[in-house]
PDB file of N, CA and C in Angstrom:
ATOM      1  N   UNK A   1      18.091  -9.391  34.848  1.00  0.00           N
ATOM      2  CA  UNK A   1      16.795  -8.797  34.627  1.00  0.00           C
ATOM      3  C   UNK A   1      16.887  -7.283  34.529  1.00  0.00           C
ATOM      4  N   UNK A   2      17.869  -6.705  35.206  1.00  0.00           N
ATOM      5  CA  UNK A   2      17.999  -5.257  35.182  1.00  0.00           C
ATOM      6  C   UNK A   2      18.314  -4.728  33.790  1.00  0.00           C
ATOM      7  N   UNK A   3      19.032  -5.497  33.046  1.00  0.00           N
ATOM      8  CA  UNK A   3      19.494  -5.021  31.755  1.00  0.00           C
ATOM      9  C   UNK A   3      18.451  -5.183  30.655  1.00  0.00           C
ATOM     10  N   UNK A   4      17.418  -5.937  30.910  1.00  0.00           N
ATOM     11  CA  UNK A   4      16.384  -6.162  29.903  1.00  0.00           C
ATOM     12  C   UNK A   4      15.688  -4.867  29.481  1.00  0.00           C
ATOM     13  N   UNK A   5      15.234  -4.013  30.400  1.00  0.00           N
ATOM     14  CA  UNK A   5      14.609  -2.751  29.966  1.00  0.00           C
ATOM     15  C   UNK A   5      15.585  -1.847  29.212  1.00  0.00           C
ATOM     16  N   UNK A   6      16.839  -1.829  29.641  1.00  0.00           N
ATOM     17  CA  UNK A   6      17.841  -1.010  28.970  1.00  0.00           C
ATOM     18  C   UNK A   6      18.100  -1.526  27.554  1.00  0.00           C
ATOM     19  N   UNK A   7      18.207  -2.830  27.422  1.00  0.00           N
ATOM     20  CA  UNK A   7      18.423  -3.425  26.105  1.00  0.00           C
ATOM     21  C   UNK A   7      17.226  -3.179  25.192  1.00  0.00           C
ATOM     22  N   UNK A   8      16.027  -3.304  25.723  1.00  0.00           N
ATOM     23  CA  UNK A   8      14.820  -3.060  24.932  1.00  0.00           C
ATOM     24  C   UNK A   8      14.742  -1.601  24.493  1.00  0.00           C
ATOM     25  N   UNK A   9      15.087  -0.683  25.374  1.00  0.00           N
ATOM     26  CA  UNK A   9      15.070   0.744  25.031  1.00  0.00           C
ATOM     27  C   UNK A   9      16.108   1.055  23.962  1.00  0.00           C
ATOM     28  N   UNK A  10      17.294   0.493  24.082  1.00  0.00           N
ATOM     29  CA  UNK A  10      18.346   0.708  23.084  1.00  0.00           C
ATOM     30  C   UNK A  10      17.924   0.174  21.723  1.00  0.00           C
ATOM     31  N   UNK A  11      17.329  -0.992  21.721  1.00  0.00           N
ATOM     32  CA  UNK A  11      16.866  -1.600  20.477  1.00  0.00           C
ATOM     33  C   UNK A  11      15.786  -0.740  19.825  1.00  0.00           C
ATOM     34  N   UNK A  12      14.858  -0.242  20.619  1.00  0.00           N
ATOM     35  CA  UNK A  12      13.775   0.601  20.107  1.00  0.00           C
ATOM     36  C   UNK A  12      14.323   1.894  19.522  1.00  0.00           C
ATOM     37  N   UNK A  13      15.253   2.520  20.192  1.00  0.00           N
ATOM     38  CA  UNK A  13      15.856   3.762  19.691  1.00  0.00           C
ATOM     39  C   UNK A  13      16.592   3.509  18.383  1.00  0.00           C
ATOM     40  N   UNK A  14      17.292   2.401  18.291  1.00  0.00           N
ATOM     41  CA  UNK A  14      17.994   2.055  17.058  1.00  0.00           C
ATOM     42  C   UNK A  14      17.017   1.875  15.908  1.00  0.00           C
ATOM     43  N   UNK A  15      15.918   1.196  16.141  1.00  0.00           N
ATOM     44  CA  UNK A  15      14.913   1.011  15.094  1.00  0.00           C
ATOM     45  C   UNK A  15      14.311   2.337  14.654  1.00  0.00           C
ATOM     46  N   UNK A  16      13.985   3.189  15.600  1.00  0.00           N
ATOM     47  CA  UNK A  16      13.402   4.486  15.265  1.00  0.00           C
ATOM     48  C   UNK A  16      14.386   5.368  14.516  1.00  0.00           C
ATOM     49  N   UNK A  17      15.643   5.310  14.850  1.00  0.00           N
ATOM     50  CA  UNK A  17      16.653   6.097  14.141  1.00  0.00           C
ATOM     51  C   UNK A  17      16.760   5.629  12.696  1.00  0.00           C
ATOM     52  N   UNK A  18      16.649   4.339  12.469  1.00  0.00           N
ATOM     53  CA  UNK A  18      16.683   3.809  11.110  1.00  0.00           C
ATOM     54  C   UNK A  18      15.497   4.254  10.292  1.00  0.00           C
ATOM     55  N   UNK A  19      14.338   4.373  10.909  1.00  0.00           N
ATOM     56  CA  UNK A  19      13.142   4.823  10.200  1.00  0.00           C
ATOM     57  C   UNK A  19      13.197   6.311   9.888  1.00  0.00           C
ATOM     58  N   UNK A  20      13.854   7.068  10.720  1.00  0.00           N
ATOM     59  CA  UNK A  20      13.881   8.518  10.556  1.00  0.00           C
ATOM     60  C   UNK A  20      14.890   8.975   9.522  1.00  0.00           C
ATOM     61  N   UNK A  21      15.892   8.178   9.239  1.00  0.00           N
ATOM     62  CA  UNK A  21      16.917   8.608   8.298  1.00  0.00           C
ATOM     63  C   UNK A  21      16.609   8.071   6.911  1.00  0.00           C
ATOM     64  N   UNK A  22      16.466   8.985   5.951  1.00  0.00           N
ATOM     65  CA  UNK A  22      16.178   8.605   4.568  1.00  0.00           C
ATOM     66  C   UNK A  22      17.481   8.572   3.781  1.00  0.00           C
ATOM     67  N   UNK A  23      17.616   7.623   2.877  1.00  0.00           N
ATOM     68  CA  UNK A  23      18.833   7.564   2.075  1.00  0.00           C
ATOM     69  C   UNK A  23      18.884   8.743   1.107  1.00  0.00           C
ATOM     70  N   UNK A  24      20.080   9.262   0.890  1.00  0.00           N
ATOM     71  CA  UNK A  24      20.254  10.381  -0.024  1.00  0.00           C
ATOM     72  C   UNK A  24      20.706   9.945  -1.402  1.00  0.00           C
ATOM     73  N   UNK A  25      20.922   8.667  -1.578  1.00  0.00           N
ATOM     74  CA  UNK A  25      21.350   8.167  -2.875  1.00  0.00           C
ATOM     75  C   UNK A  25      20.169   8.101  -3.828  1.00  0.00           C
ATOM     76  N   UNK A  26      20.347   8.544  -5.076  1.00  0.00           N
ATOM     77  CA  UNK A  26      19.238   8.448  -6.034  1.00  0.00           C
ATOM     78  C   UNK A  26      18.920   6.993  -6.364  1.00  0.00           C
ATOM     79  N   UNK A  27      17.656   6.756  -6.691  1.00  0.00           N
ATOM     80  CA  UNK A  27      17.233   5.434  -7.133  1.00  0.00           C
ATOM     81  C   UNK A  27      17.880   5.101  -8.468  1.00  0.00           C
ATOM     82  N   UNK A  28      17.988   6.116  -9.329  1.00  0.00           N
ATOM     83  CA  UNK A  28      18.540   5.921 -10.669  1.00  0.00           C
ATOM     84  C   UNK A  28      19.139   7.226 -11.158  1.00  0.00           C
ATOM     85  N   UNK A  29      20.197   7.140 -11.961  1.00  0.00           N
ATOM     86  CA  UNK A  29      20.790   8.296 -12.624  1.00  0.00           C
ATOM     87  C   UNK A  29      20.703   8.065 -14.124  1.00  0.00           C
ATOM     88  N   UNK A  30      20.295   9.102 -14.856  1.00  0.00           N
ATOM     89  CA  UNK A  30      20.186   9.024 -16.308  1.00  0.00           C
ATOM     90  C   UNK A  30      20.926  10.190 -16.943  1.00  0.00           C
ATOM     91  N   UNK A  31      21.304  10.023 -18.199  1.00  0.00           N
ATOM     92  CA  UNK A  31      21.861  11.107 -18.996  1.00  0.00           C
ATOM     93  C   UNK A  31      20.914  11.314 -20.165  1.00  0.00           C
ATOM     94  N   UNK A  32      20.601  12.574 -20.471  1.00  0.00           N
ATOM     95  CA  UNK A  32      19.692  12.878 -21.561  1.00  0.00           C
ATOM     96  C   UNK A  32      20.311  13.929 -22.474  1.00  0.00           C
ATOM     97  N   UNK A  33      19.967  13.866 -23.748  1.00  0.00           N
ATOM     98  CA  UNK A  33      20.418  14.877 -24.702  1.00  0.00           C
ATOM     99  C   UNK A  33      19.547  16.125 -24.620  1.00  0.00           C
ATOM    100  N   UNK A  34      18.415  16.023 -23.930  1.00  0.00           N
ATOM    101  CA  UNK A  34      17.498  17.155 -23.798  1.00  0.00           C
ATOM    102  C   UNK A  34      17.999  18.139 -22.743  1.00  0.00           C
ATOM    103  N   UNK A  35      17.558  19.376 -22.889  1.00  0.00           N
ATOM    104  CA  UNK A  35      17.848  20.376 -21.861  1.00  0.00           C
ATOM    105  C   UNK A  35      17.031  20.038 -20.614  1.00  0.00           C
ATOM    106  N   UNK A  36      17.427  20.537 -19.456  1.00  0.00           N
ATOM    107  CA  UNK A  36      16.624  20.297 -18.252  1.00  0.00           C
ATOM    108  C   UNK A  36      15.173  20.759 -18.413  1.00  0.00           C
ATOM    109  N   UNK A  37      14.959  21.871 -19.102  1.00  0.00           N
ATOM    110  CA  UNK A  37      13.598  22.376 -19.304  1.00  0.00           C
ATOM    111  C   UNK A  37      12.775  21.421 -20.168  1.00  0.00           C
ATOM    112  N   UNK A  38      13.345  20.953 -21.285  1.00  0.00           N
ATOM    113  CA  UNK A  38      12.621  20.044 -22.178  1.00  0.00           C
ATOM    114  C   UNK A  38      12.336  18.712 -21.494  1.00  0.00           C
ATOM    115  N   UNK A  39      13.309  18.191 -20.758  1.00  0.00           N
ATOM    116  CA  UNK A  39      13.115  16.923 -20.060  1.00  0.00           C
ATOM    117  C   UNK A  39      12.029  17.055 -19.000  1.00  0.00           C
ATOM    118  N   UNK A  40      12.080  18.116 -18.211  1.00  0.00           N
ATOM    119  CA  UNK A  40      11.087  18.317 -17.151  1.00  0.00           C
ATOM    120  C   UNK A  40       9.691  18.520 -17.715  1.00  0.00           C
ATOM    121  N   UNK A  41       9.587  19.196 -18.856  1.00  0.00           N
ATOM    122  CA  UNK A  41       8.287  19.373 -19.508  1.00  0.00           C
ATOM    123  C   UNK A  41       7.709  18.029 -19.921  1.00  0.00           C
ATOM    124  N   UNK A  42       8.541  17.160 -20.481  1.00  0.00           N
ATOM    125  CA  UNK A  42       8.100  15.815 -20.872  1.00  0.00           C
ATOM    126  C   UNK A  42       7.628  15.028 -19.650  1.00  0.00           C
ATOM    127  N   UNK A  43       8.405  15.060 -18.569  1.00  0.00           N
ATOM    128  CA  UNK A  43       8.045  14.336 -17.345  1.00  0.00           C
ATOM    129  C   UNK A  43       6.735  14.867 -16.770  1.00  0.00           C
ATOM    130  N   UNK A  44       6.589  16.186 -16.740  1.00  0.00           N
ATOM    131  CA  UNK A  44       5.357  16.797 -16.208  1.00  0.00           C
ATOM    132  C   UNK A  44       4.134  16.335 -17.003  1.00  0.00           C
ATOM    133  N   UNK A  45       4.245  16.316 -18.341  1.00  0.00           N
ATOM    134  CA  UNK A  45       3.121  15.884 -19.176  1.00  0.00           C
ATOM    135  C   UNK A  45       2.755  14.436 -18.892  1.00  0.00           C
ATOM    136  N   UNK A  46       3.746  13.571 -18.779  1.00  0.00           N
ATOM    137  CA  UNK A  46       3.470  12.153 -18.518  1.00  0.00           C
ATOM    138  C   UNK A  46       2.843  11.947 -17.139  1.00  0.00           C
ATOM    139  N   UNK A  47       3.318  12.671 -16.148  1.00  0.00           N
ATOM    140  CA  UNK A  47       2.738  12.556 -14.810  1.00  0.00           C
ATOM    141  C   UNK A  47       1.295  13.046 -14.791  1.00  0.00           C
ATOM    142  N   UNK A  48       1.026  14.146 -15.480  1.00  0.00           N
ATOM    143  CA  UNK A  48      -0.334  14.679 -15.523  1.00  0.00           C
ATOM    144  C   UNK A  48      -1.274  13.750 -16.288  1.00  0.00           C
ATOM    145  N   UNK A  49      -0.765  13.062 -17.310  1.00  0.00           N
ATOM    146  CA  UNK A  49      -1.569  12.061 -18.024  1.00  0.00           C
ATOM    147  C   UNK A  49      -1.960  10.918 -17.096  1.00  0.00           C
ATOM    148  N   UNK A  50      -1.116  10.634 -16.101  1.00  0.00           N
ATOM    149  CA  UNK A  50      -1.373   9.564 -15.129  1.00  0.00           C
ATOM    150  C   UNK A  50      -2.082  10.078 -13.879  1.00  0.00           C
ATOM    151  N   UNK A  51      -2.728  11.232 -13.989  1.00  0.00           N
ATOM    152  CA  UNK A  51      -3.511  11.804 -12.891  1.00  0.00           C
ATOM    153  C   UNK A  51      -2.662  12.175 -11.680  1.00  0.00           C
ATOM    154  N   UNK A  52      -1.410  12.503 -11.897  1.00  0.00           N
ATOM    155  CA  UNK A  52      -0.529  12.964 -10.828  1.00  0.00           C
ATOM    156  C   UNK A  52      -0.527  14.492 -10.815  1.00  0.00           C
ATOM    157  N   UNK A  53      -0.177  15.091  -9.698  1.00  0.00           N
ATOM    158  CA  UNK A  53      -0.112  16.551  -9.568  1.00  0.00           C
ATOM    159  C   UNK A  53       1.292  16.969  -9.139  1.00  0.00           C
ATOM    160  N   UNK A  54       2.228  17.002 -10.086  1.00  0.00           N
ATOM    161  CA  UNK A  54       3.603  17.358  -9.727  1.00  0.00           C
ATOM    162  C   UNK A  54       3.775  18.864  -9.536  1.00  0.00           C
ATOM    163  N   UNK A  55       4.783  19.218  -8.760  1.00  0.00           N
ATOM    164  CA  UNK A  55       5.204  20.611  -8.593  1.00  0.00           C
ATOM    165  C   UNK A  55       6.587  20.742  -9.198  1.00  0.00           C
ATOM    166  N   UNK A  56       6.841  21.841  -9.882  1.00  0.00           N
ATOM    167  CA  UNK A  56       8.152  22.044 -10.494  1.00  0.00           C
ATOM    168  C   UNK A  56       8.753  23.357 -10.004  1.00  0.00           C
ATOM    169  N   UNK A  57      10.048  23.303  -9.727  1.00  0.00           N
ATOM    170  CA  UNK A  57      10.817  24.499  -9.410  1.00  0.00           C
ATOM    171  C   UNK A  57      12.068  24.469 -10.274  1.00  0.00           C
ATOM    172  N   UNK A  58      12.636  25.645 -10.526  1.00  0.00           N
ATOM    173  CA  UNK A  58      13.837  25.655 -11.357  1.00  0.00           C
ATOM    174  C   UNK A  58      14.755  26.813 -11.011  1.00  0.00           C
ATOM    175  N   UNK A  59      16.013  26.619 -11.378  1.00  0.00           N
ATOM    176  CA  UNK A  59      17.032  27.654 -11.303  1.00  0.00           C
ATOM    177  C   UNK A  59      17.606  27.787 -12.705  1.00  0.00           C
ATOM    178  N   UNK A  60      18.646  28.559 -12.863  1.00  0.00           N
ATOM    179  CA  UNK A  60      19.252  28.702 -14.189  1.00  0.00           C
ATOM    180  C   UNK A  60      19.968  27.430 -14.631  1.00  0.00           C
ATOM    181  N   UNK A  61      20.294  26.543 -13.702  1.00  0.00           N
ATOM    182  CA  UNK A  61      21.047  25.330 -14.018  1.00  0.00           C
ATOM    183  C   UNK A  61      20.280  24.025 -13.825  1.00  0.00           C
ATOM    184  N   UNK A  62      19.104  24.071 -13.202  1.00  0.00           N
ATOM    185  CA  UNK A  62      18.429  22.808 -12.890  1.00  0.00           C
ATOM    186  C   UNK A  62      16.920  22.960 -12.806  1.00  0.00           C
ATOM    187  N   UNK A  63      16.257  21.802 -12.911  1.00  0.00           N
ATOM    188  CA  UNK A  63      14.807  21.702 -12.714  1.00  0.00           C
ATOM    189  C   UNK A  63      14.555  20.595 -11.708  1.00  0.00           C
ATOM    190  N   UNK A  64      13.530  20.780 -10.880  1.00  0.00           N
ATOM    191  CA  UNK A  64      13.169  19.779  -9.879  1.00  0.00           C
ATOM    192  C   UNK A  64      11.667  19.547  -9.958  1.00  0.00           C
ATOM    193  N   UNK A  65      11.282  18.285 -10.212  1.00  0.00           N
ATOM    194  CA  UNK A  65       9.879  17.881 -10.239  1.00  0.00           C
ATOM    195  C   UNK A  65       9.628  17.067  -8.978  1.00  0.00           C
ATOM    196  N   UNK A  66       8.619  17.474  -8.200  1.00  0.00           N
ATOM    197  CA  UNK A  66       8.330  16.825  -6.919  1.00  0.00           C
ATOM    198  C   UNK A  66       6.902  16.308  -6.917  1.00  0.00           C
ATOM    199  N   UNK A  67       6.746  15.045  -6.550  1.00  0.00           N
ATOM    200  CA  UNK A  67       5.435  14.441  -6.320  1.00  0.00           C
ATOM    201  C   UNK A  67       5.280  14.279  -4.814  1.00  0.00           C
ATOM    202  N   UNK A  68       4.485  15.128  -4.223  1.00  0.00           N
ATOM    203  CA  UNK A  68       4.295  15.096  -2.773  1.00  0.00           C
ATOM    204  C   UNK A  68       3.347  13.978  -2.378  1.00  0.00           C
ATOM    205  N   UNK A  69       3.576  13.459  -1.181  1.00  0.00           N
ATOM    206  CA  UNK A  69       2.733  12.400  -0.647  1.00  0.00           C
ATOM    207  C   UNK A  69       2.419  12.706   0.811  1.00  0.00           C
ATOM    208  N   UNK A  70       1.165  12.560   1.221  1.00  0.00           N
ATOM    209  CA  UNK A  70       0.833  12.805   2.622  1.00  0.00           C
ATOM    210  C   UNK A  70       1.271  11.673   3.556  1.00  0.00           C
ATOM    211  N   UNK A  71       1.586  10.497   3.003  1.00  0.00           N
ATOM    212  CA  UNK A  71       1.911   9.344   3.847  1.00  0.00           C
ATOM    213  C   UNK A  71       3.319   8.799   3.648  1.00  0.00           C
ATOM    214  N   UNK A  72       4.076   9.334   2.692  1.00  0.00           N
ATOM    215  CA  UNK A  72       5.417   8.821   2.429  1.00  0.00           C
ATOM    216  C   UNK A  72       6.334   9.983   2.053  1.00  0.00           C
ATOM    217  N   UNK A  73       7.609   9.693   1.910  1.00  0.00           N
ATOM    218  CA  UNK A  73       8.558  10.718   1.478  1.00  0.00           C
ATOM    219  C   UNK A  73       8.251  11.117   0.039  1.00  0.00           C
ATOM    220  N   UNK A  74       8.576  12.347  -0.300  1.00  0.00           N
ATOM    221  CA  UNK A  74       8.312  12.849  -1.643  1.00  0.00           C
ATOM    222  C   UNK A  74       9.174  12.126  -2.675  1.00  0.00           C
ATOM    223  N   UNK A  75       8.598  11.892  -3.853  1.00  0.00           N
ATOM    224  CA  UNK A  75       9.344  11.399  -4.999  1.00  0.00           C
ATOM    225  C   UNK A  75       9.864  12.615  -5.749  1.00  0.00           C
ATOM    226  N   UNK A  76      11.139  12.567  -6.156  1.00  0.00           N
ATOM    227  CA  UNK A  76      11.772  13.735  -6.756  1.00  0.00           C
ATOM    228  C   UNK A  76      12.541  13.326  -8.005  1.00  0.00           C
ATOM    229  N   UNK A  77      12.443  14.164  -9.053  1.00  0.00           N
ATOM    230  CA  UNK A  77      13.274  14.026 -10.243  1.00  0.00           C
ATOM    231  C   UNK A  77      14.011  15.350 -10.407  1.00  0.00           C
ATOM    232  N   UNK A  78      15.339  15.312 -10.348  1.00  0.00           N
ATOM    233  CA  UNK A  78      16.157  16.508 -10.524  1.00  0.00           C
ATOM    234  C   UNK A  78      16.934  16.390 -11.821  1.00  0.00           C
ATOM    235  N   UNK A  79      16.948  17.466 -12.602  1.00  0.00           N
ATOM    236  CA  UNK A  79      17.683  17.498 -13.860  1.00  0.00           C
ATOM    237  C   UNK A  79      18.628  18.689 -13.834  1.00  0.00           C
ATOM    238  N   UNK A  80      19.900  18.423 -14.091  1.00  0.00           N
ATOM    239  CA  UNK A  80      20.917  19.470 -14.083  1.00  0.00           C
ATOM    240  C   UNK A  80      21.482  19.654 -15.484  1.00  0.00           C
ATOM    241  N   UNK A  81      21.796  20.887 -15.821  1.00  0.00           N
ATOM    242  CA  UNK A  81      22.352  21.212 -17.131  1.00  0.00           C
ATOM    243  C   UNK A  81      23.757  20.646 -17.246  1.00  0.00           C
ATOM    244  N   UNK A  82      24.023  20.011 -18.394  1.00  0.00           N
ATOM    245  CA  UNK A  82      25.344  19.483 -18.682  1.00  0.00           C
ATOM    246  C   UNK A  82      25.873  20.092 -19.968  1.00  0.00           C
ATOM    247  N   UNK A  83      27.030  19.623 -20.417  1.00  0.00           N
ATOM    248  CA  UNK A  83      27.625  20.152 -21.642  1.00  0.00           C
ATOM    249  C   UNK A  83      26.794  19.830 -22.878  1.00  0.00           C
ATOM    250  N   UNK A  84      26.235  18.630 -22.920  1.00  0.00           N
ATOM    251  CA  UNK A  84      25.482  18.208 -24.109  1.00  0.00           C
ATOM    252  C   UNK A  84      24.070  17.751 -23.765  1.00  0.00           C
ATOM    253  N   UNK A  85      23.461  18.329 -22.776  1.00  0.00           N
ATOM    254  CA  UNK A  85      22.111  17.925 -22.382  1.00  0.00           C
ATOM    255  C   UNK A  85      21.936  18.043 -20.894  1.00  0.00           C
ATOM    256  N   UNK A  86      21.522  16.940 -20.268  1.00  0.00           N
ATOM    257  CA  UNK A  86      21.269  17.003 -18.840  1.00  0.00           C
ATOM    258  C   UNK A  86      21.598  15.717 -18.117  1.00  0.00           C
ATOM    259  N   UNK A  87      21.817  15.846 -16.836  1.00  0.00           N
ATOM    260  CA  UNK A  87      22.035  14.715 -15.938  1.00  0.00           C
ATOM    261  C   UNK A  87      20.808  14.641 -15.042  1.00  0.00           C
ATOM    262  N   UNK A  88      20.190  13.449 -14.960  1.00  0.00           N
ATOM    263  CA  UNK A  88      18.924  13.271 -14.255  1.00  0.00           C
ATOM    264  C   UNK A  88      19.138  12.368 -13.039  1.00  0.00           C
ATOM    265  N   UNK A  89      18.596  12.803 -11.905  1.00  0.00           N
ATOM    266  CA  UNK A  89      18.637  12.017 -10.669  1.00  0.00           C
ATOM    267  C   UNK A  89      17.201  11.750 -10.235  1.00  0.00           C
ATOM    268  N   UNK A  90      16.873  10.475 -10.046  1.00  0.00           N
ATOM    269  CA  UNK A  90      15.515  10.083  -9.672  1.00  0.00           C
ATOM    270  C   UNK A  90      15.544   9.525  -8.252  1.00  0.00           C
ATOM    271  N   UNK A  91      14.691  10.077  -7.408  1.00  0.00           N
ATOM    272  CA  UNK A  91      14.550   9.627  -6.021  1.00  0.00           C
ATOM    273  C   UNK A  91      13.124   9.105  -5.859  1.00  0.00           C
ATOM    274  N   UNK A  92      12.946   7.809  -6.050  1.00  0.00           N
ATOM    275  CA  UNK A  92      11.628   7.181  -5.919  1.00  0.00           C
ATOM    276  C   UNK A  92      11.535   6.590  -4.530  1.00  0.00           C
ATOM    277  N   UNK A  93      10.753   7.232  -3.662  1.00  0.00           N
ATOM    278  CA  UNK A  93      10.723   6.830  -2.254  1.00  0.00           C
ATOM    279  C   UNK A  93       9.401   6.245  -1.805  1.00  0.00           C
ATOM    280  N   UNK A  94       8.340   6.472  -2.535  1.00  0.00           N
ATOM    281  CA  UNK A  94       7.039   5.965  -2.133  1.00  0.00           C
ATOM    282  C   UNK A  94       6.909   4.483  -2.418  1.00  0.00           C
ATOM    283  N   UNK A  95       6.322   3.770  -1.500  1.00  0.00           N
ATOM    284  CA  UNK A  95       6.173   2.327  -1.635  1.00  0.00           C
ATOM    285  C   UNK A  95       5.270   1.958  -2.804  1.00  0.00           C
ATOM    286  N   UNK A  96       4.156   2.654  -2.948  1.00  0.00           N
ATOM    287  CA  UNK A  96       3.213   2.345  -4.011  1.00  0.00           C
ATOM    288  C   UNK A  96       3.168   3.462  -5.047  1.00  0.00           C
ATOM    289  N   UNK A  97       4.290   4.096  -5.299  1.00  0.00           N
ATOM    290  CA  UNK A  97       4.325   5.245  -6.197  1.00  0.00           C
ATOM    291  C   UNK A  97       4.402   4.812  -7.655  1.00  0.00           C
ATOM    292  N   UNK A  98       4.123   5.763  -8.508  1.00  0.00           N
ATOM    293  CA  UNK A  98       4.273   5.570  -9.948  1.00  0.00           C
ATOM    294  C   UNK A  98       5.730   5.218 -10.223  1.00  0.00           C
ATOM    295  N   UNK A  99       5.970   4.398 -11.201  1.00  0.00           N
ATOM    296  CA  UNK A  99       7.333   3.998 -11.520  1.00  0.00           C
ATOM    297  C   UNK A  99       8.048   5.161 -12.205  1.00  0.00           C
ATOM    298  N   UNK A 100       8.682   6.005 -11.432  1.00  0.00           N
ATOM    299  CA  UNK A 100       9.345   7.192 -11.964  1.00  0.00           C
ATOM    300  C   UNK A 100      10.530   6.853 -12.853  1.00  0.00           C
ATOM    301  N   UNK A 101      11.210   5.766 -12.566  1.00  0.00           N
ATOM    302  CA  UNK A 101      12.357   5.381 -13.386  1.00  0.00           C
ATOM    303  C   UNK A 101      11.899   5.072 -14.807  1.00  0.00           C
ATOM    304  N   UNK A 102      10.840   4.318 -14.940  1.00  0.00           N
ATOM    305  CA  UNK A 102      10.308   3.979 -16.266  1.00  0.00           C
ATOM    306  C   UNK A 102       9.847   5.236 -16.988  1.00  0.00           C
ATOM    307  N   UNK A 103       9.123   6.071 -16.288  1.00  0.00           N
ATOM    308  CA  UNK A 103       8.589   7.290 -16.873  1.00  0.00           C
ATOM    309  C   UNK A 103       9.713   8.231 -17.315  1.00  0.00           C
ATOM    310  N   UNK A 104      10.710   8.418 -16.472  1.00  0.00           N
ATOM    311  CA  UNK A 104      11.828   9.296 -16.814  1.00  0.00           C
ATOM    312  C   UNK A 104      12.641   8.726 -17.970  1.00  0.00           C
ATOM    313  N   UNK A 105      12.782   7.410 -18.014  1.00  0.00           N
ATOM    314  CA  UNK A 105      13.511   6.778 -19.116  1.00  0.00           C
ATOM    315  C   UNK A 105      12.817   7.022 -20.446  1.00  0.00           C
ATOM    316  N   UNK A 106      11.498   7.078 -20.448  1.00  0.00           N
ATOM    317  CA  UNK A 106      10.749   7.361 -21.670  1.00  0.00           C
ATOM    318  C   UNK A 106      11.019   8.778 -22.167  1.00  0.00           C
ATOM    319  N   UNK A 107      11.295   9.698 -21.260  1.00  0.00           N
ATOM    320  CA  UNK A 107      11.546  11.091 -21.642  1.00  0.00           C
ATOM    321  C   UNK A 107      13.006  11.348 -22.010  1.00  0.00           C
ATOM    322  N   UNK A 108      13.898  10.482 -21.562  1.00  0.00           N
ATOM    323  CA  UNK A 108      15.326  10.682 -21.850  1.00  0.00           C
ATOM    324  C   UNK A 108      15.575  10.423 -23.308  1.00  0.00           C
TER     325      UNK A 108
END
């Protein structure tokens, strides 16, 4: 009987640790012939047509489109400059989010 509270506490901590750690692997990776700027512009237009409010940030080598959520992890599309276009990483984390993979594939 003594070990029951300890086992329950260990189990609870393990479950909470699993909920707190988000996977860093992208949902999907795409290659596009478009520049990161052109691809991100296409994605932004499609998201805005679907009543979404994306935020975009950029550097000289990449663009990042973020769909923030008050109840879930942010959905992110990152595009990096390549030799002949761009490499796209999609992180779709929201349970009921817009299908970012489909949308990004339309822009690729």
